[in-house]
Amino acid sequence: MPEARLNLVVYYLRNDEVAEADELMKDMEPSTPQEYILKGVVNAMMGQKAGSREHLKVAQQFFQLVGSSA
């Protein structure tokens, strides 16, 4: 079931429905690199659409976390 949720987030992102993707990812605590990356992408897209520096900062943190992991 968690994979279905991630697939739905990807679907929303591909169809430029960023708010819906954000709503699905909002309560999710990432535990795998794929989840961290997806959460980072959602935050980056939200930051670009809304002009929110906070979303962009969160996205950067997720990407750095994945990039610095073994």
PDB file of N, CA and C in Angstrom:
ATOM      1  N   MET A   1       0.798  -1.205   0.000  1.00  0.00           N
ATOM      2  CA  MET A   1       0.000   0.000   0.000  1.00  0.00           C
ATOM      3  C   MET A   1       0.847   1.279   0.000  1.00  0.00           C
ATOM      4  N   PRO A   2       1.955   1.329   0.751  1.00  0.00           N
ATOM      5  CA  PRO A   2       2.766   2.556   0.695  1.00  0.00           C
ATOM      6  C   PRO A   2       3.282   2.862  -0.711  1.00  0.00           C
ATOM      7  N   GLU A   3       3.593   1.804  -1.469  1.00  0.00           N
ATOM      8  CA  GLU A   3       4.074   2.016  -2.832  1.00  0.00           C
ATOM      9  C   GLU A   3       2.995   2.649  -3.701  1.00  0.00           C
ATOM     10  N   ALA A   4       1.754   2.283  -3.483  1.00  0.00           N
ATOM     11  CA  ALA A   4       0.647   2.870  -4.241  1.00  0.00           C
ATOM     12  C   ALA A   4       0.550   4.367  -3.970  1.00  0.00           C
ATOM     13  N   ARG A   5       0.785   4.749  -2.723  1.00  0.00           N
ATOM     14  CA  ARG A   5       0.740   6.165  -2.362  1.00  0.00           C
ATOM     15  C   ARG A   5       1.846   6.928  -3.104  1.00  0.00           C
ATOM     16  N   LEU A   6       3.044   6.343  -3.139  1.00  0.00           N
ATOM     17  CA  LEU A   6       4.151   6.992  -3.841  1.00  0.00           C
ATOM     18  C   LEU A   6       3.868   7.085  -5.338  1.00  0.00           C
ATOM     19  N   ASN A   7       3.283   6.041  -5.899  1.00  0.00           N
ATOM     20  CA  ASN A   7       2.926   6.063  -7.324  1.00  0.00           C
ATOM     21  C   ASN A   7       1.906   7.155  -7.612  1.00  0.00           C
ATOM     22  N   LEU A   8       0.961   7.350  -6.687  1.00  0.00           N
ATOM     23  CA  LEU A   8      -0.035   8.400  -6.868  1.00  0.00           C
ATOM     24  C   LEU A   8       0.619   9.779  -6.798  1.00  0.00           C
ATOM     25  N   VAL A   9       1.596   9.947  -5.935  1.00  0.00           N
ATOM     26  CA  VAL A   9       2.328  11.210  -5.850  1.00  0.00           C
ATOM     27  C   VAL A   9       3.042  11.486  -7.178  1.00  0.00           C
ATOM     28  N   VAL A  10       3.695  10.471  -7.732  1.00  0.00           N
ATOM     29  CA  VAL A  10       4.380  10.627  -9.015  1.00  0.00           C
ATOM     30  C   VAL A  10       3.372  10.993 -10.102  1.00  0.00           C
ATOM     31  N   TYR A  11       2.221  10.349 -10.095  1.00  0.00           N
ATOM     32  CA  TYR A  11       1.159  10.657 -11.061  1.00  0.00           C
ATOM     33  C   TYR A  11       0.751  12.129 -10.957  1.00  0.00           C
ATOM     34  N   TYR A  12       0.531  12.588  -9.719  1.00  0.00           N
ATOM     35  CA  TYR A  12       0.141  13.987  -9.522  1.00  0.00           C
ATOM     36  C   TYR A  12       1.230  14.941 -10.026  1.00  0.00           C
ATOM     37  N   LEU A  13       2.486  14.620  -9.752  1.00  0.00           N
ATOM     38  CA  LEU A  13       3.566  15.489 -10.198  1.00  0.00           C
ATOM     39  C   LEU A  13       3.650  15.546 -11.715  1.00  0.00           C
ATOM     40  N   ARG A  14       3.478  14.410 -12.356  1.00  0.00           N
ATOM     41  CA  ARG A  14       3.535  14.379 -13.829  1.00  0.00           C
ATOM     42  C   ARG A  14       2.392  15.161 -14.458  1.00  0.00           C
ATOM     43  N   ASN A  15       1.280  15.257 -13.740  1.00  0.00           N
ATOM     44  CA  ASN A  15       0.114  15.981 -14.250  1.00  0.00           C
ATOM     45  C   ASN A  15       0.012  17.394 -13.675  1.00  0.00           C
ATOM     46  N   ASP A  16       1.122  17.876 -13.113  1.00  0.00           N
ATOM     47  CA  ASP A  16       1.217  19.234 -12.583  1.00  0.00           C
ATOM     48  C   ASP A  16       0.169  19.528 -11.511  1.00  0.00           C
ATOM     49  N   GLU A  17      -0.142  18.523 -10.713  1.00  0.00           N
ATOM     50  CA  GLU A  17      -1.065  18.681  -9.591  1.00  0.00           C
ATOM     51  C   GLU A  17      -0.243  18.627  -8.300  1.00  0.00           C
ATOM     52  N   VAL A  18       0.566  19.649  -8.127  1.00  0.00           N
ATOM     53  CA  VAL A  18       1.559  19.681  -7.052  1.00  0.00           C
ATOM     54  C   VAL A  18       0.899  19.754  -5.679  1.00  0.00           C
ATOM     55  N   ALA A  19      -0.184  20.498  -5.557  1.00  0.00           N
ATOM     56  CA  ALA A  19      -0.859  20.629  -4.260  1.00  0.00           C
ATOM     57  C   ALA A  19      -1.374  19.276  -3.768  1.00  0.00           C
ATOM     58  N   GLU A  20      -1.901  18.473  -4.691  1.00  0.00           N
ATOM     59  CA  GLU A  20      -2.400  17.145  -4.318  1.00  0.00           C
ATOM     60  C   GLU A  20      -1.244  16.245  -3.882  1.00  0.00           C
ATOM     61  N   ALA A  21      -0.128  16.329  -4.599  1.00  0.00           N
ATOM     62  CA  ALA A  21       1.053  15.545  -4.234  1.00  0.00           C
ATOM     63  C   ALA A  21       1.566  15.970  -2.866  1.00  0.00           C
ATOM     64  N   ASP A  22       1.565  17.258  -2.612  1.00  0.00           N
ATOM     65  CA  ASP A  22       2.017  17.768  -1.311  1.00  0.00           C
ATOM     66  C   ASP A  22       1.109  17.273  -0.197  1.00  0.00           C
ATOM     67  N   GLU A  23      -0.159  17.245  -0.445  1.00  0.00           N
ATOM     68  CA  GLU A  23      -1.118  16.783   0.570  1.00  0.00           C
ATOM     69  C   GLU A  23      -0.853  15.321   0.944  1.00  0.00           C
ATOM     70  N   LEU A  24      -0.526  14.493  -0.042  1.00  0.00           N
ATOM     71  CA  LEU A  24      -0.231  13.082   0.233  1.00  0.00           C
ATOM     72  C   LEU A  24       1.082  12.905   0.984  1.00  0.00           C
ATOM     73  N   MET A  25       2.061  13.751   0.699  1.00  0.00           N
ATOM     74  CA  MET A  25       3.381  13.606   1.298  1.00  0.00           C
ATOM     75  C   MET A  25       3.515  14.323   2.632  1.00  0.00           C
ATOM     76  N   LYS A  26       2.580  15.200   2.944  1.00  0.00           N
ATOM     77  CA  LYS A  26       2.679  16.052   4.122  1.00  0.00           C
ATOM     78  C   LYS A  26       2.875  15.254   5.414  1.00  0.00           C
ATOM     79  N   ASP A  27       2.088  14.205   5.615  1.00  0.00           N
ATOM     80  CA  ASP A  27       2.124  13.432   6.858  1.00  0.00           C
ATOM     81  C   ASP A  27       3.111  12.275   6.818  1.00  0.00           C
ATOM     82  N   MET A  28       3.750  12.077   5.684  1.00  0.00           N
ATOM     83  CA  MET A  28       4.632  10.924   5.523  1.00  0.00           C
ATOM     84  C   MET A  28       6.024  11.191   6.081  1.00  0.00           C
ATOM     85  N   GLU A  29       6.510  10.275   6.893  1.00  0.00           N
ATOM     86  CA  GLU A  29       7.887  10.316   7.388  1.00  0.00           C
ATOM     87  C   GLU A  29       8.720   9.398   6.504  1.00  0.00           C
ATOM     88  N   PRO A  30       9.588   9.950   5.666  1.00  0.00           N
ATOM     89  CA  PRO A  30      10.361   9.110   4.747  1.00  0.00           C
ATOM     90  C   PRO A  30      11.321   8.180   5.490  1.00  0.00           C
ATOM     91  N   SER A  31      11.473   6.979   4.929  1.00  0.00           N
ATOM     92  CA  SER A  31      12.387   6.007   5.539  1.00  0.00           C
ATOM     93  C   SER A  31      13.328   5.390   4.509  1.00  0.00           C
ATOM     94  N   THR A  32      13.039   5.550   3.231  1.00  0.00           N
ATOM     95  CA  THR A  32      13.895   5.018   2.175  1.00  0.00           C
ATOM     96  C   THR A  32      14.417   6.182   1.327  1.00  0.00           C
ATOM     97  N   PRO A  33      15.531   5.972   0.624  1.00  0.00           N
ATOM     98  CA  PRO A  33      16.034   7.061  -0.234  1.00  0.00           C
ATOM     99  C   PRO A  33      15.007   7.541  -1.252  1.00  0.00           C
ATOM    100  N   GLN A  34      14.218   6.623  -1.798  1.00  0.00           N
ATOM    101  CA  GLN A  34      13.197   7.009  -2.776  1.00  0.00           C
ATOM    102  C   GLN A  34      12.170   7.952  -2.151  1.00  0.00           C
ATOM    103  N   GLU A  35      11.780   7.665  -0.918  1.00  0.00           N
ATOM    104  CA  GLU A  35      10.802   8.515  -0.242  1.00  0.00           C
ATOM    105  C   GLU A  35      11.388   9.890   0.058  1.00  0.00           C
ATOM    106  N   TYR A  36      12.658   9.935   0.479  1.00  0.00           N
ATOM    107  CA  TYR A  36      13.309  11.219   0.739  1.00  0.00           C
ATOM    108  C   TYR A  36      13.403  12.041  -0.537  1.00  0.00           C
ATOM    109  N   ILE A  37      13.779  11.397  -1.632  1.00  0.00           N
ATOM    110  CA  ILE A  37      13.900  12.102  -2.914  1.00  0.00           C
ATOM    111  C   ILE A  37      12.540  12.624  -3.366  1.00  0.00           C
ATOM    112  N   LEU A  38      11.522  11.789  -3.273  1.00  0.00           N
ATOM    113  CA  LEU A  38      10.187  12.192  -3.702  1.00  0.00           C
ATOM    114  C   LEU A  38       9.672  13.346  -2.844  1.00  0.00           C
ATOM    115  N   LYS A  39       9.909  13.274  -1.548  1.00  0.00           N
ATOM    116  CA  LYS A  39       9.487  14.361  -0.671  1.00  0.00           C
ATOM    117  C   LYS A  39      10.262  15.640  -1.009  1.00  0.00           C
ATOM    118  N   GLY A  40      11.537  15.501  -1.351  1.00  0.00           N
ATOM    119  CA  GLY A  40      12.326  16.655  -1.769  1.00  0.00           C
ATOM    120  C   GLY A  40      11.810  17.267  -3.060  1.00  0.00           C
ATOM    121  N   VAL A  41      11.452  16.423  -4.019  1.00  0.00           N
ATOM    122  CA  VAL A  41      10.922  16.914  -5.296  1.00  0.00           C
ATOM    123  C   VAL A  41       9.605  17.651  -5.087  1.00  0.00           C
ATOM    124  N   VAL A  42       8.737  17.085  -4.258  1.00  0.00           N
ATOM    125  CA  VAL A  42       7.445  17.731  -3.991  1.00  0.00           C
ATOM    126  C   VAL A  42       7.675  19.096  -3.347  1.00  0.00           C
ATOM    127  N   ASN A  43       8.565  19.154  -2.373  1.00  0.00           N
ATOM    128  CA  ASN A  43       8.840  20.436  -1.714  1.00  0.00           C
ATOM    129  C   ASN A  43       9.471  21.431  -2.679  1.00  0.00           C
ATOM    130  N   ALA A  44      10.359  20.962  -3.545  1.00  0.00           N
ATOM    131  CA  ALA A  44      10.987  21.861  -4.523  1.00  0.00           C
ATOM    132  C   ALA A  44       9.947  22.425  -5.485  1.00  0.00           C
ATOM    133  N   MET A  45       9.048  21.579  -5.946  1.00  0.00           N
ATOM    134  CA  MET A  45       8.015  22.051  -6.875  1.00  0.00           C
ATOM    135  C   MET A  45       7.044  23.003  -6.188  1.00  0.00           C
ATOM    136  N   MET A  46       6.702  22.705  -4.927  1.00  0.00           N
ATOM    137  CA  MET A  46       5.830  23.614  -4.173  1.00  0.00           C
ATOM    138  C   MET A  46       6.526  24.965  -3.990  1.00  0.00           C
ATOM    139  N   GLY A  47       7.812  24.919  -3.688  1.00  0.00           N
ATOM    140  CA  GLY A  47       8.559  26.156  -3.505  1.00  0.00           C
ATOM    141  C   GLY A  47       8.613  26.993  -4.767  1.00  0.00           C
ATOM    142  N   GLN A  48       8.771  26.333  -5.899  1.00  0.00           N
ATOM    143  CA  GLN A  48       8.821  27.066  -7.169  1.00  0.00           C
ATOM    144  C   GLN A  48       7.464  27.639  -7.530  1.00  0.00           C
ATOM    145  N   LYS A  49       6.412  26.849  -7.349  1.00  0.00           N
ATOM    146  CA  LYS A  49       5.073  27.318  -7.716  1.00  0.00           C
ATOM    147  C   LYS A  49       4.602  28.453  -6.817  1.00  0.00           C
ATOM    148  N   ALA A  50       4.850  28.310  -5.505  1.00  0.00           N
ATOM    149  CA  ALA A  50       4.343  29.291  -4.548  1.00  0.00           C
ATOM    150  C   ALA A  50       5.367  30.377  -4.229  1.00  0.00           C
ATOM    151  N   GLY A  51       6.581  30.215  -4.721  1.00  0.00           N
ATOM    152  CA  GLY A  51       7.626  31.172  -4.389  1.00  0.00           C
ATOM    153  C   GLY A  51       8.007  31.103  -2.919  1.00  0.00           C
ATOM    154  N   SER A  52       7.927  29.910  -2.351  1.00  0.00           N
ATOM    155  CA  SER A  52       8.169  29.710  -0.924  1.00  0.00           C
ATOM    156  C   SER A  52       9.609  29.274  -0.669  1.00  0.00           C
ATOM    157  N   ARG A  53      10.357  30.134   0.005  1.00  0.00           N
ATOM    158  CA  ARG A  53      11.741  29.790   0.343  1.00  0.00           C
ATOM    159  C   ARG A  53      11.772  28.644   1.355  1.00  0.00           C
ATOM    160  N   GLU A  54      10.758  28.563   2.200  1.00  0.00           N
ATOM    161  CA  GLU A  54      10.711  27.510   3.220  1.00  0.00           C
ATOM    162  C   GLU A  54      10.625  26.127   2.566  1.00  0.00           C
ATOM    163  N   HIS A  55       9.771  25.988   1.551  1.00  0.00           N
ATOM    164  CA  HIS A  55       9.676  24.709   0.842  1.00  0.00           C
ATOM    165  C   HIS A  55      11.003  24.362   0.161  1.00  0.00           C
ATOM    166  N   LEU A  56      11.634  25.356  -0.429  1.00  0.00           N
ATOM    167  CA  LEU A  56      12.915  25.114  -1.104  1.00  0.00           C
ATOM    168  C   LEU A  56      13.997  24.715  -0.106  1.00  0.00           C
ATOM    169  N   LYS A  57      13.971  25.305   1.063  1.00  0.00           N
ATOM    170  CA  LYS A  57      14.942  24.973   2.098  1.00  0.00           C
ATOM    171  C   LYS A  57      14.747  23.526   2.575  1.00  0.00           C
ATOM    172  N   VAL A  58      13.499  23.129   2.759  1.00  0.00           N
ATOM    173  CA  VAL A  58      13.192  21.756   3.170  1.00  0.00           C
ATOM    174  C   VAL A  58      13.629  20.777   2.085  1.00  0.00           C
ATOM    175  N   ALA A  59      13.358  21.116   0.822  1.00  0.00           N
ATOM    176  CA  ALA A  59      13.769  20.259  -0.293  1.00  0.00           C
ATOM    177  C   ALA A  59      15.286  20.090  -0.300  1.00  0.00           C
ATOM    178  N   GLN A  60      16.001  21.166  -0.087  1.00  0.00           N
ATOM    179  CA  GLN A  60      17.461  21.105  -0.057  1.00  0.00           C
ATOM    180  C   GLN A  60      17.940  20.182   1.056  1.00  0.00           C
ATOM    181  N   GLN A  61      17.303  20.239   2.201  1.00  0.00           N
ATOM    182  CA  GLN A  61      17.682  19.376   3.324  1.00  0.00           C
ATOM    183  C   GLN A  61      17.478  17.907   2.986  1.00  0.00           C
ATOM    184  N   PHE A  62      16.363  17.591   2.340  1.00  0.00           N
ATOM    185  CA  PHE A  62      16.106  16.196   1.949  1.00  0.00           C
ATOM    186  C   PHE A  62      17.141  15.714   0.946  1.00  0.00           C
ATOM    187  N   PHE A  63      17.461  16.548  -0.036  1.00  0.00           N
ATOM    188  CA  PHE A  63      18.432  16.161  -1.054  1.00  0.00           C
ATOM    189  C   PHE A  63      19.824  15.995  -0.459  1.00  0.00           C
ATOM    190  N   GLN A  64      20.207  16.886   0.438  1.00  0.00           N
ATOM    191  CA  GLN A  64      21.509  16.770   1.087  1.00  0.00           C
ATOM    192  C   GLN A  64      21.592  15.510   1.944  1.00  0.00           C
ATOM    193  N   LEU A  65      20.490  15.187   2.615  1.00  0.00           N
ATOM    194  CA  LEU A  65      20.473  13.990   3.455  1.00  0.00           C
ATOM    195  C   LEU A  65      20.717  12.740   2.616  1.00  0.00           C
ATOM    196  N   VAL A  66      20.065  12.660   1.472  1.00  0.00           N
ATOM    197  CA  VAL A  66      20.235  11.500   0.590  1.00  0.00           C
ATOM    198  C   VAL A  66      21.637  11.509  -0.029  1.00  0.00           C
ATOM    199  N   GLY A  67      22.106  12.681  -0.416  1.00  0.00           N
ATOM    200  CA  GLY A  67      23.404  12.788  -1.061  1.00  0.00           C
ATOM    201  C   GLY A  67      24.567  12.470  -0.153  1.00  0.00           C
ATOM    202  N   SER A  68      24.395  12.709   1.128  1.00  0.00           N
ATOM    203  CA  SER A  68      25.492  12.473   2.063  1.00  0.00           C
ATOM    204  C   SER A  68      25.444  11.091   2.706  1.00  0.00           C
ATOM    205  N   SER A  69      24.414  10.321   2.399  1.00  0.00           N
ATOM    206  CA  SER A  69      24.301   8.989   3.000  1.00  0.00           C
ATOM    207  C   SER A  69      25.206   7.984   2.255  1.00  0.00           C
ATOM    208  N   ALA A  70      25.528   6.913   2.942  1.00  0.00           N
ATOM    209  CA  ALA A  70      26.386   5.892   2.343  1.00  0.00           C
ATOM    210  C   ALA A  70      25.607   5.157   1.280  1.00  0.00           C
TER     211      ALA A  70
END
